[in-house]
Amino acid sequence: MVPPKNILIVEDDENVLSMMVKHLRKAGYNPVRAADGLEALRKLDEADFDLVITDIVMPYISGVGVVSAFKKKRPHVPVIAMTGYGKEPEAAVVEKNADLVLAKPVRMSNLMSQIALLIGPSHMEERP
């Protein structure tokens, strides 16, 4: 059996974080939670991820910092950044090489489609 793909979700809004974890787990991915950028950087050192999804505006270390640090360590792994604050934060994460920027609120169906495009289907979707 193929192990599920690991996705780090970095989001300081607990409701949004829980919803994303629930949907990703249901789809067959292995979501790992981080409530802020500092926690995300610790988790990035502890495990390998197939994808990182990060909010941009967060306490301690912003999503821009997460994207920058992660892309320096693992430039081949895709990163999705999410923002509800318009073009300025979006431009900052694009500059730091985020693979995709989504405006909040993010529709889960759109997010799931984008994830599949970036890293392929979950292990559940790969079964014959």
Protein backbone atom coordinates (compact mmCIF):
# COMPACT_ATOMS: atom_id res chain seq x y z
CA MET A 1 0.00 0.00 0.00
CA VAL A 2 1.24 3.47 -0.89
CA PRO A 3 1.56 5.74 2.16
CA PRO A 4 -0.53 8.92 2.11
CA LYS A 5 1.09 12.13 0.90
CA ASN A 6 2.13 14.45 3.74
CA ILE A 7 0.76 17.98 3.62
CA LEU A 8 1.78 20.64 6.14
CA ILE A 9 -1.03 23.12 6.80
CA VAL A 10 0.01 26.40 8.42
CA GLU A 11 -2.99 28.44 9.59
CA ASP A 12 -3.54 30.53 12.73
CA ASP A 13 -7.36 30.40 12.51
CA GLU A 14 -8.29 27.18 14.34
CA ASN A 15 -11.64 26.85 12.53
CA VAL A 16 -10.05 27.09 9.09
CA LEU A 17 -7.22 24.77 10.14
CA SER A 18 -9.61 22.11 11.46
CA MET A 19 -11.79 22.28 8.34
CA MET A 20 -8.79 21.85 6.05
CA VAL A 21 -7.42 18.94 8.08
CA LYS A 22 -10.82 17.22 7.96
CA HIS A 23 -11.17 17.59 4.18
CA LEU A 24 -7.60 16.51 3.43
CA ARG A 25 -7.83 13.48 5.71
CA LYS A 26 -11.16 12.49 4.13
CA ALA A 27 -9.53 12.75 0.68
CA GLY A 28 -6.76 10.36 1.76
CA TYR A 29 -3.91 12.77 2.42
CA ASN A 30 -1.95 12.96 5.69
CA PRO A 31 -2.41 16.54 6.95
CA VAL A 32 -0.02 17.88 9.60
CA ARG A 33 -1.08 20.98 11.56
CA ALA A 34 0.92 24.08 12.45
CA ALA A 35 -0.80 27.02 14.15
CA ASP A 36 1.83 29.63 13.20
CA GLY A 37 4.99 30.13 11.17
CA LEU A 38 7.34 29.28 14.04
CA GLU A 39 5.67 25.92 14.61
CA ALA A 40 5.73 25.31 10.84
CA LEU A 41 9.49 25.81 10.64
CA ARG A 42 10.00 23.32 13.49
CA LYS A 43 7.83 20.76 11.71
CA LEU A 44 9.66 21.33 8.43
CA ASP A 45 12.87 20.24 10.19
CA GLU A 46 11.20 17.14 11.67
CA ALA A 47 9.55 15.55 8.62
CA ASP A 48 9.37 15.46 4.84
CA PHE A 49 6.34 16.98 3.18
CA ASP A 50 4.92 16.59 -0.31
CA LEU A 51 3.20 20.00 -0.11
CA VAL A 52 2.95 23.01 2.20
CA ILE A 53 -0.21 25.11 2.45
CA THR A 54 0.30 28.32 4.42
CA ASP A 55 -1.65 31.38 5.41
CA ILE A 56 0.32 34.55 4.75
CA VAL A 57 -0.60 36.81 7.67
CA MET A 58 0.23 35.00 10.94
CA PRO A 59 1.92 35.68 14.27
CA TYR A 60 5.64 35.11 14.97
CA ILE A 61 6.75 34.24 11.42
CA SER A 62 4.58 35.18 8.46
CA GLY A 63 3.65 32.92 5.60
CA VAL A 64 6.17 34.85 3.51
CA GLY A 65 8.87 33.73 5.94
CA VAL A 66 7.59 30.14 5.83
CA VAL A 67 7.65 30.10 2.01
CA SER A 68 11.13 31.61 1.90
CA ALA A 69 12.62 29.22 4.49
CA PHE A 70 10.96 26.16 3.03
CA LYS A 71 11.92 26.90 -0.58
CA LYS A 72 15.57 27.36 0.49
CA LYS A 73 15.58 23.87 2.04
CA ARG A 74 13.35 22.05 -0.44
CA PRO A 75 12.90 24.08 -3.64
CA HIS A 76 11.26 21.20 -5.52
CA VAL A 77 8.34 20.82 -3.07
CA PRO A 78 5.28 22.92 -3.99
CA VAL A 79 3.85 25.59 -1.70
CA ILE A 80 0.33 27.04 -1.77
CA ALA A 81 -0.09 30.40 -0.01
CA MET A 82 -3.48 31.77 1.05
CA THR A 83 -4.37 35.37 1.78
CA GLY A 84 -7.38 37.45 2.60
CA TYR A 85 -5.41 40.69 2.43
CA GLY A 86 -5.16 41.53 -1.26
CA LYS A 87 -2.27 42.05 -3.65
CA GLU A 88 0.59 43.21 -1.38
CA PRO A 89 1.00 39.95 0.57
CA GLU A 90 0.32 38.00 -2.62
CA ALA A 91 3.19 39.76 -4.41
CA ALA A 92 5.51 39.05 -1.47
CA VAL A 93 4.91 35.29 -1.52
CA VAL A 94 5.16 35.10 -5.30
CA GLU A 95 8.53 36.81 -4.98
CA LYS A 96 9.56 34.08 -2.51
CA ASN A 97 8.58 31.38 -5.05
CA ALA A 98 5.21 30.15 -3.84
CA ASP A 99 3.80 27.87 -6.52
CA LEU A 100 0.24 29.12 -6.13
CA VAL A 101 -1.55 31.92 -4.26
CA LEU A 102 -5.24 31.55 -3.41
CA ALA A 103 -7.54 34.29 -2.13
CA LYS A 104 -9.45 33.63 1.08
CA PRO A 105 -12.02 32.41 1.66
CA VAL A 106 -10.78 29.36 -0.23
CA ARG A 107 -13.37 26.97 -1.66
CA MET A 108 -12.38 23.47 -0.58
CA SER A 109 -13.26 22.01 -3.99
CA ASN A 110 -10.86 24.46 -5.65
CA LEU A 111 -8.14 23.76 -3.09
CA MET A 112 -8.49 19.99 -3.54
CA SER A 113 -8.25 20.37 -7.33
CA GLN A 114 -5.12 22.50 -7.03
CA ILE A 115 -3.52 20.02 -4.62
CA ALA A 116 -4.15 17.17 -7.07
CA LEU A 117 -2.60 19.22 -9.88
CA LEU A 118 0.52 20.01 -7.82
CA ILE A 119 1.22 16.65 -6.16
CA GLY A 120 -1.13 14.19 -7.78
CA PRO A 121 -4.09 12.39 -6.30
CA SER A 122 -4.12 11.03 -2.78
CA HIS A 123 -3.25 7.38 -2.30
CA MET A 124 -7.00 6.61 -2.06
CA GLU A 125 -7.60 8.09 -5.51
CA GLU A 126 -4.72 6.07 -6.99
CA ARG A 127 -6.30 2.70 -6.22
CA PRO A 128 -7.70 0.77 -9.22
